[in-house]
Amino acid sequence: MTSVDSPRRFHTKIGVRWSDMDVFQHINHARMVTLLEEARIPWLFEDDRPTKNLRAGCVLVDLHVQYKGQLRHEDTPLDVSMWIERLRAVDFTIGYEVRASGTAQDSPASVLATTQMAAFDIDTQRLRRLSEAERAYLSEWK
């Protein structure tokens, strides 16, 4: 299930697997990075999106994750909201807030994160400029 809020944020629910947990019974830090990836796929890479070409060539350039509170298996599905923090010619930065299921949107997020993504041409192995359609779509989420 996905939704859009104002200001423009894309919301999606991501299920927590038992294997995402660590020995301390909260979501493992490395698994959180995977959950963030799973959250951005329906927003940016589905066939009906103007950004679908990013699916064929997009690389992660930078990643920052801040853990503000614990998330556990029983907090599933996690509510992940995303937006564009910065948009440039070849790259863009996504902001994330992750909350436990049922947590109010105005409450502090348990996880704050950013990922910088760059458009990439697989054939030439070089960065490429974002298309006008990609830039227009991403601009809607600033």
N, C-alpha and C. Protein backbone atom coordinates (compact mmCIF):
# COMPACT_ATOMS: atom_id res chain seq x y z
N MET A 1 0.84 -1.17 0.00
CA MET A 1 0.00 0.00 0.00
C MET A 1 0.89 1.24 0.00
N THR A 2 0.59 2.18 -0.87
CA THR A 2 1.33 3.41 -0.94
C THR A 2 0.37 4.59 -0.95
N SER A 3 0.86 5.73 -0.56
CA SER A 3 0.04 6.94 -0.59
C SER A 3 0.94 8.15 -0.75
N VAL A 4 0.29 9.29 -0.98
CA VAL A 4 1.00 10.54 -1.15
C VAL A 4 0.42 11.54 -0.17
N ASP A 5 1.27 12.24 0.56
CA ASP A 5 0.85 13.27 1.49
C ASP A 5 1.34 14.63 1.03
N SER A 6 0.82 15.64 1.65
CA SER A 6 1.29 16.99 1.41
C SER A 6 2.01 17.47 2.66
N PRO A 7 3.20 18.08 2.63
CA PRO A 7 3.94 18.29 1.40
C PRO A 7 4.29 16.97 0.75
N ARG A 8 4.65 17.03 -0.50
CA ARG A 8 4.79 15.83 -1.32
C ARG A 8 5.77 14.82 -0.72
N ARG A 9 5.21 13.82 -0.10
CA ARG A 9 5.99 12.69 0.42
C ARG A 9 5.31 11.42 -0.05
N PHE A 10 6.12 10.50 -0.48
CA PHE A 10 5.62 9.19 -0.87
C PHE A 10 5.69 8.29 0.34
N HIS A 11 4.58 7.64 0.67
CA HIS A 11 4.52 6.72 1.82
C HIS A 11 4.31 5.30 1.31
N THR A 12 5.03 4.39 1.93
CA THR A 12 4.81 2.99 1.63
C THR A 12 5.01 2.18 2.90
N LYS A 13 4.43 1.00 2.93
CA LYS A 13 4.57 0.08 4.06
C LYS A 13 5.54 -1.02 3.65
N ILE A 14 6.48 -1.31 4.54
CA ILE A 14 7.48 -2.35 4.29
C ILE A 14 7.43 -3.35 5.44
N GLY A 15 7.22 -4.60 5.08
CA GLY A 15 7.17 -5.66 6.08
C GLY A 15 8.54 -6.01 6.62
N VAL A 16 8.59 -6.29 7.91
CA VAL A 16 9.83 -6.71 8.55
C VAL A 16 9.85 -8.24 8.61
N ARG A 17 10.91 -8.83 8.13
CA ARG A 17 11.07 -10.28 8.17
C ARG A 17 11.78 -10.67 9.47
N TRP A 18 11.56 -11.87 9.91
CA TRP A 18 12.24 -12.36 11.10
C TRP A 18 13.74 -12.27 10.92
N SER A 19 14.23 -12.51 9.72
CA SER A 19 15.67 -12.48 9.44
C SER A 19 16.23 -11.05 9.49
N ASP A 20 15.38 -10.03 9.54
CA ASP A 20 15.84 -8.65 9.66
C ASP A 20 16.26 -8.30 11.09
N MET A 21 15.93 -9.18 12.03
CA MET A 21 16.20 -8.92 13.44
C MET A 21 17.62 -9.36 13.81
N ASP A 22 18.17 -8.71 14.82
CA ASP A 22 19.47 -9.14 15.32
C ASP A 22 19.30 -9.77 16.71
N VAL A 23 20.39 -10.13 17.33
CA VAL A 23 20.36 -10.83 18.61
C VAL A 23 19.73 -9.97 19.71
N PHE A 24 19.70 -8.67 19.53
CA PHE A 24 19.12 -7.76 20.52
C PHE A 24 17.63 -7.50 20.27
N GLN A 25 17.06 -8.21 19.33
CA GLN A 25 15.63 -8.19 19.01
C GLN A 25 15.15 -6.89 18.39
N HIS A 26 16.05 -6.17 17.74
CA HIS A 26 15.60 -5.03 16.95
C HIS A 26 16.18 -5.17 15.54
N ILE A 27 15.67 -4.35 14.61
CA ILE A 27 16.10 -4.47 13.23
C ILE A 27 17.59 -4.16 13.12
N ASN A 28 18.31 -5.08 12.50
CA ASN A 28 19.75 -4.94 12.29
C ASN A 28 20.03 -3.74 11.40
N HIS A 29 21.10 -3.01 11.71
CA HIS A 29 21.42 -1.78 10.96
C HIS A 29 21.63 -2.05 9.47
N ALA A 30 22.28 -3.12 9.11
CA ALA A 30 22.50 -3.43 7.69
C ALA A 30 21.19 -3.78 7.00
N ARG A 31 20.29 -4.44 7.72
CA ARG A 31 18.99 -4.78 7.14
C ARG A 31 18.13 -3.55 6.92
N MET A 32 18.34 -2.51 7.74
CA MET A 32 17.58 -1.27 7.55
C MET A 32 17.90 -0.67 6.19
N VAL A 33 19.16 -0.77 5.77
CA VAL A 33 19.55 -0.26 4.45
C VAL A 33 18.79 -1.01 3.35
N THR A 34 18.63 -2.30 3.50
CA THR A 34 17.86 -3.09 2.54
C THR A 34 16.39 -2.69 2.56
N LEU A 35 15.83 -2.44 3.74
CA LEU A 35 14.44 -2.03 3.83
C LEU A 35 14.23 -0.66 3.17
N LEU A 36 15.18 0.24 3.29
CA LEU A 36 15.10 1.53 2.60
C LEU A 36 15.09 1.33 1.08
N GLU A 37 15.92 0.43 0.61
CA GLU A 37 15.95 0.11 -0.82
C GLU A 37 14.60 -0.43 -1.27
N GLU A 38 14.04 -1.34 -0.50
CA GLU A 38 12.73 -1.91 -0.85
C GLU A 38 11.63 -0.85 -0.85
N ALA A 39 11.78 0.17 -0.02
CA ALA A 39 10.78 1.24 0.03
C ALA A 39 10.84 2.13 -1.21
N ARG A 40 12.03 2.42 -1.71
CA ARG A 40 12.12 3.35 -2.85
C ARG A 40 11.78 2.71 -4.19
N ILE A 41 11.81 1.39 -4.28
CA ILE A 41 11.53 0.72 -5.56
C ILE A 41 10.13 1.06 -6.09
N PRO A 42 9.05 0.93 -5.31
CA PRO A 42 7.73 1.24 -5.88
C PRO A 42 7.56 2.73 -6.23
N TRP A 43 8.32 3.59 -5.59
CA TRP A 43 8.22 5.02 -5.85
C TRP A 43 8.93 5.43 -7.13
N LEU A 44 10.10 4.88 -7.36
CA LEU A 44 10.93 5.37 -8.45
C LEU A 44 11.09 4.43 -9.64
N PHE A 45 10.93 3.13 -9.44
CA PHE A 45 11.37 2.19 -10.46
C PHE A 45 10.27 1.34 -11.09
N GLU A 46 9.01 1.59 -10.77
CA GLU A 46 7.94 0.82 -11.40
C GLU A 46 7.77 1.25 -12.85
N ASP A 47 7.22 0.35 -13.68
CA ASP A 47 7.12 0.59 -15.12
C ASP A 47 6.35 1.84 -15.50
N ASP A 48 5.37 2.25 -14.69
CA ASP A 48 4.55 3.39 -15.08
C ASP A 48 5.13 4.73 -14.61
N ARG A 49 6.29 4.74 -14.02
CA ARG A 49 6.91 5.97 -13.53
C ARG A 49 7.80 6.58 -14.60
N PRO A 50 7.85 7.93 -14.67
CA PRO A 50 8.80 8.57 -15.60
C PRO A 50 10.26 8.22 -15.27
N THR A 51 10.51 7.74 -14.07
CA THR A 51 11.86 7.38 -13.64
C THR A 51 12.19 5.92 -13.90
N LYS A 52 11.37 5.22 -14.67
CA LYS A 52 11.61 3.78 -14.86
C LYS A 52 12.97 3.49 -15.49
N ASN A 53 13.53 4.44 -16.26
CA ASN A 53 14.85 4.22 -16.85
C ASN A 53 15.95 4.16 -15.79
N LEU A 54 15.70 4.72 -14.62
CA LEU A 54 16.68 4.61 -13.55
C LEU A 54 16.89 3.16 -13.14
N ARG A 55 15.87 2.34 -13.35
CA ARG A 55 15.96 0.92 -13.02
C ARG A 55 17.08 0.26 -13.83
N ALA A 56 17.29 0.74 -15.05
CA ALA A 56 18.32 0.16 -15.92
C ALA A 56 19.70 0.74 -15.64
N GLY A 57 19.74 1.85 -14.92
CA GLY A 57 21.03 2.45 -14.66
C GLY A 57 20.95 3.54 -13.60
N CYS A 58 21.17 3.13 -12.38
CA CYS A 58 21.16 4.06 -11.26
C CYS A 58 22.07 3.47 -10.19
N VAL A 59 22.93 4.30 -9.64
CA VAL A 59 23.84 3.80 -8.62
C VAL A 59 23.69 4.62 -7.35
N LEU A 60 23.90 3.96 -6.23
CA LEU A 60 23.90 4.63 -4.95
C LEU A 60 25.28 5.24 -4.75
N VAL A 61 25.30 6.55 -4.45
CA VAL A 61 26.56 7.28 -4.32
C VAL A 61 26.91 7.51 -2.86
N ASP A 62 25.89 7.77 -2.04
CA ASP A 62 26.14 8.11 -0.64
C ASP A 62 24.94 7.67 0.18
N LEU A 63 25.20 7.31 1.43
CA LEU A 63 24.15 6.81 2.32
C LEU A 63 24.43 7.28 3.74
N HIS A 64 23.41 7.83 4.37
CA HIS A 64 23.50 8.23 5.78
C HIS A 64 22.26 7.72 6.49
N VAL A 65 22.45 7.08 7.64
CA VAL A 65 21.34 6.57 8.43
C VAL A 65 21.56 6.99 9.88
N GLN A 66 20.52 7.58 10.47
CA GLN A 66 20.54 7.94 11.89
C GLN A 66 19.45 7.13 12.59
N TYR A 67 19.83 6.45 13.65
CA TYR A 67 18.88 5.65 14.42
C TYR A 67 18.48 6.46 15.65
N LYS A 68 17.23 6.85 15.70
CA LYS A 68 16.71 7.68 16.78
C LYS A 68 15.93 6.85 17.80
N GLY A 69 15.51 5.66 17.40
CA GLY A 69 14.76 4.77 18.27
C GLY A 69 14.79 3.36 17.72
N GLN A 70 14.48 2.40 18.55
CA GLN A 70 14.49 1.00 18.13
C GLN A 70 13.24 0.66 17.33
N LEU A 71 13.41 -0.21 16.37
CA LEU A 71 12.30 -0.81 15.64
C LEU A 71 12.43 -2.32 15.78
N ARG A 72 11.31 -2.97 16.02
CA ARG A 72 11.30 -4.41 16.27
C ARG A 72 10.39 -5.11 15.27
N HIS A 73 10.44 -6.42 15.29
CA HIS A 73 9.61 -7.21 14.39
C HIS A 73 8.13 -6.88 14.56
N GLU A 74 7.70 -6.67 15.79
CA GLU A 74 6.27 -6.39 16.03
C GLU A 74 5.84 -5.01 15.53
N ASP A 75 6.78 -4.17 15.08
CA ASP A 75 6.47 -2.86 14.53
C ASP A 75 6.10 -2.91 13.05
N THR A 76 6.05 -4.09 12.49
CA THR A 76 5.76 -4.27 11.07
C THR A 76 4.28 -4.05 10.78
N PRO A 77 3.93 -3.56 9.61
CA PRO A 77 4.81 -3.06 8.57
C PRO A 77 5.29 -1.65 8.92
N LEU A 78 6.54 -1.39 8.60
CA LEU A 78 7.11 -0.07 8.84
C LEU A 78 6.49 0.94 7.88
N ASP A 79 6.30 2.15 8.36
CA ASP A 79 5.82 3.23 7.50
C ASP A 79 7.03 4.05 7.08
N VAL A 80 7.29 4.08 5.79
CA VAL A 80 8.45 4.80 5.26
C VAL A 80 7.94 5.95 4.40
N SER A 81 8.35 7.17 4.75
CA SER A 81 8.02 8.32 3.90
C SER A 81 9.30 8.82 3.25
N MET A 82 9.17 9.24 1.98
CA MET A 82 10.33 9.65 1.19
C MET A 82 10.00 10.91 0.40
N TRP A 83 11.03 11.70 0.14
CA TRP A 83 10.91 12.91 -0.65
C TRP A 83 12.28 13.23 -1.24
N ILE A 84 12.32 14.19 -2.14
CA ILE A 84 13.58 14.61 -2.75
C ILE A 84 14.13 15.80 -1.99
N GLU A 85 15.31 15.64 -1.43
CA GLU A 85 15.97 16.74 -0.72
C GLU A 85 16.78 17.63 -1.66
N ARG A 86 17.39 17.01 -2.67
CA ARG A 86 18.23 17.76 -3.59
C ARG A 86 18.15 17.10 -4.96
N LEU A 87 18.09 17.93 -5.99
CA LEU A 87 18.01 17.44 -7.37
C LEU A 87 19.02 18.21 -8.21
N ARG A 88 19.91 17.46 -8.87
CA ARG A 88 20.93 18.09 -9.71
C ARG A 88 20.88 17.43 -11.09
N ALA A 89 21.80 17.77 -11.95
CA ALA A 89 21.78 17.30 -13.34
C ALA A 89 21.90 15.79 -13.47
N VAL A 90 22.74 15.17 -12.66
CA VAL A 90 22.95 13.72 -12.79
C VAL A 90 22.57 12.94 -11.54
N ASP A 91 22.27 13.64 -10.45
CA ASP A 91 21.98 12.91 -9.22
C ASP A 91 20.88 13.59 -8.41
N PHE A 92 20.40 12.86 -7.42
CA PHE A 92 19.37 13.38 -6.53
C PHE A 92 19.53 12.70 -5.18
N THR A 93 19.09 13.40 -4.14
CA THR A 93 19.17 12.88 -2.78
C THR A 93 17.77 12.67 -2.25
N ILE A 94 17.54 11.46 -1.74
CA ILE A 94 16.24 11.09 -1.17
C ILE A 94 16.33 11.20 0.35
N GLY A 95 15.33 11.83 0.95
CA GLY A 95 15.19 11.85 2.40
C GLY A 95 14.19 10.79 2.82
N TYR A 96 14.42 10.17 3.97
CA TYR A 96 13.55 9.11 4.49
C TYR A 96 13.23 9.37 5.95
N GLU A 97 12.02 9.01 6.35
CA GLU A 97 11.64 8.88 7.75
C GLU A 97 10.97 7.52 7.89
N VAL A 98 11.39 6.77 8.90
CA VAL A 98 10.84 5.43 9.12
C VAL A 98 10.21 5.39 10.50
N ARG A 99 8.96 4.93 10.54
CA ARG A 99 8.22 4.82 11.80
C ARG A 99 7.61 3.43 11.92
N ALA A 100 7.34 3.06 13.16
CA ALA A 100 6.64 1.80 13.43
C ALA A 100 5.21 1.90 12.91
N SER A 101 4.64 0.76 12.59
CA SER A 101 3.25 0.71 12.14
C SER A 101 2.33 1.40 13.13
N GLY A 102 1.44 2.24 12.62
CA GLY A 102 0.46 2.90 13.46
C GLY A 102 0.95 4.13 14.19
N THR A 103 2.20 4.50 13.99
CA THR A 103 2.75 5.69 14.64
C THR A 103 2.29 6.94 13.89
N ALA A 104 1.89 7.95 14.61
CA ALA A 104 1.44 9.21 14.00
C ALA A 104 2.56 9.86 13.22
N GLN A 105 2.23 10.45 12.08
CA GLN A 105 3.22 11.09 11.22
C GLN A 105 3.89 12.29 11.87
N ASP A 106 3.23 12.89 12.85
CA ASP A 106 3.83 14.06 13.50
C ASP A 106 4.70 13.67 14.70
N SER A 107 4.82 12.37 14.96
CA SER A 107 5.70 11.91 16.03
C SER A 107 7.11 11.72 15.48
N PRO A 108 8.12 11.76 16.35
CA PRO A 108 9.50 11.60 15.86
C PRO A 108 9.70 10.25 15.16
N ALA A 109 10.45 10.28 14.08
CA ALA A 109 10.76 9.05 13.34
C ALA A 109 11.80 8.25 14.11
N SER A 110 11.75 6.93 13.97
CA SER A 110 12.76 6.06 14.58
C SER A 110 14.05 6.04 13.78
N VAL A 111 13.93 6.25 12.46
CA VAL A 111 15.09 6.25 11.59
C VAL A 111 14.96 7.43 10.63
N LEU A 112 16.05 8.20 10.51
CA LEU A 112 16.18 9.25 9.51
C LEU A 112 17.31 8.84 8.58
N ALA A 113 17.12 9.01 7.29
CA ALA A 113 18.16 8.57 6.36
C ALA A 113 18.14 9.43 5.10
N THR A 114 19.25 9.39 4.38
CA THR A 114 19.33 9.96 3.04
C THR A 114 20.14 9.01 2.16
N THR A 115 19.77 8.96 0.90
CA THR A 115 20.57 8.26 -0.09
C THR A 115 20.73 9.18 -1.29
N GLN A 116 21.96 9.31 -1.74
CA GLN A 116 22.22 10.06 -2.97
C GLN A 116 22.31 9.04 -4.09
N MET A 117 21.50 9.24 -5.12
CA MET A 117 21.43 8.32 -6.25
C MET A 117 21.89 9.07 -7.50
N ALA A 118 22.62 8.39 -8.38
CA ALA A 118 23.08 9.00 -9.63
C ALA A 118 22.59 8.17 -10.81
N ALA A 119 22.16 8.87 -11.86
CA ALA A 119 21.77 8.20 -13.10
C ALA A 119 23.05 7.68 -13.76
N PHE A 120 22.98 6.46 -14.28
CA PHE A 120 24.18 5.78 -14.76
C PHE A 120 23.87 5.07 -16.06
N ASP A 121 24.76 5.19 -17.03
CA ASP A 121 24.63 4.49 -18.30
C ASP A 121 25.44 3.20 -18.21
N ILE A 122 24.75 2.09 -18.17
CA ILE A 122 25.40 0.79 -18.01
C ILE A 122 26.34 0.49 -19.19
N ASP A 123 25.91 0.83 -20.41
CA ASP A 123 26.71 0.51 -21.60
C ASP A 123 28.05 1.25 -21.62
N THR A 124 28.04 2.52 -21.26
CA THR A 124 29.28 3.31 -21.30
C THR A 124 30.01 3.32 -19.96
N GLN A 125 29.32 2.84 -18.90
CA GLN A 125 29.87 2.84 -17.55
C GLN A 125 30.22 4.26 -17.09
N ARG A 126 29.31 5.19 -17.43
CA ARG A 126 29.48 6.58 -17.04
C ARG A 126 28.18 7.14 -16.50
N LEU A 127 28.32 8.19 -15.71
CA LEU A 127 27.14 8.92 -15.27
C LEU A 127 26.45 9.52 -16.47
N ARG A 128 25.14 9.68 -16.38
CA ARG A 128 24.39 10.34 -17.45
C ARG A 128 23.51 11.41 -16.83
N ARG A 129 23.07 12.34 -17.65
CA ARG A 129 22.14 13.37 -17.17
C ARG A 129 20.75 12.76 -17.01
N LEU A 130 20.05 13.23 -15.99
CA LEU A 130 18.66 12.83 -15.84
C LEU A 130 17.87 13.41 -17.00
N SER A 131 16.91 12.65 -17.50
CA SER A 131 16.07 13.14 -18.59
C SER A 131 15.12 14.22 -18.06
N GLU A 132 14.55 14.98 -18.97
CA GLU A 132 13.58 16.01 -18.57
C GLU A 132 12.40 15.38 -17.82
N ALA A 133 11.93 14.23 -18.30
CA ALA A 133 10.81 13.55 -17.64
C ALA A 133 11.19 13.11 -16.22
N GLU A 134 12.40 12.59 -16.07
CA GLU A 134 12.87 12.17 -14.75
C GLU A 134 12.98 13.38 -13.82
N ARG A 135 13.57 14.46 -14.31
CA ARG A 135 13.73 15.67 -13.50
C ARG A 135 12.36 16.25 -13.11
N ALA A 136 11.42 16.25 -14.04
CA ALA A 136 10.09 16.79 -13.75
C ALA A 136 9.41 15.96 -12.67
N TYR A 137 9.48 14.64 -12.79
CA TYR A 137 8.86 13.76 -11.80
C TYR A 137 9.50 13.96 -10.42
N LEU A 138 10.82 13.95 -10.37
CA LEU A 138 11.53 14.10 -9.11
C LEU A 138 11.26 15.48 -8.48
N SER A 139 11.13 16.50 -9.31
CA SER A 139 10.85 17.85 -8.83
C SER A 139 9.53 17.94 -8.10
N GLU A 140 8.58 17.12 -8.47
CA GLU A 140 7.27 17.10 -7.81
C GLU A 140 7.37 16.71 -6.34
N TRP A 141 8.45 16.08 -5.95
CA TRP A 141 8.60 15.53 -4.58
C TRP A 141 9.53 16.37 -3.73
N LYS A 142 9.85 17.59 -4.18
CA LYS A 142 10.73 18.47 -3.40
C LYS A 142 9.92 19.26 -2.40
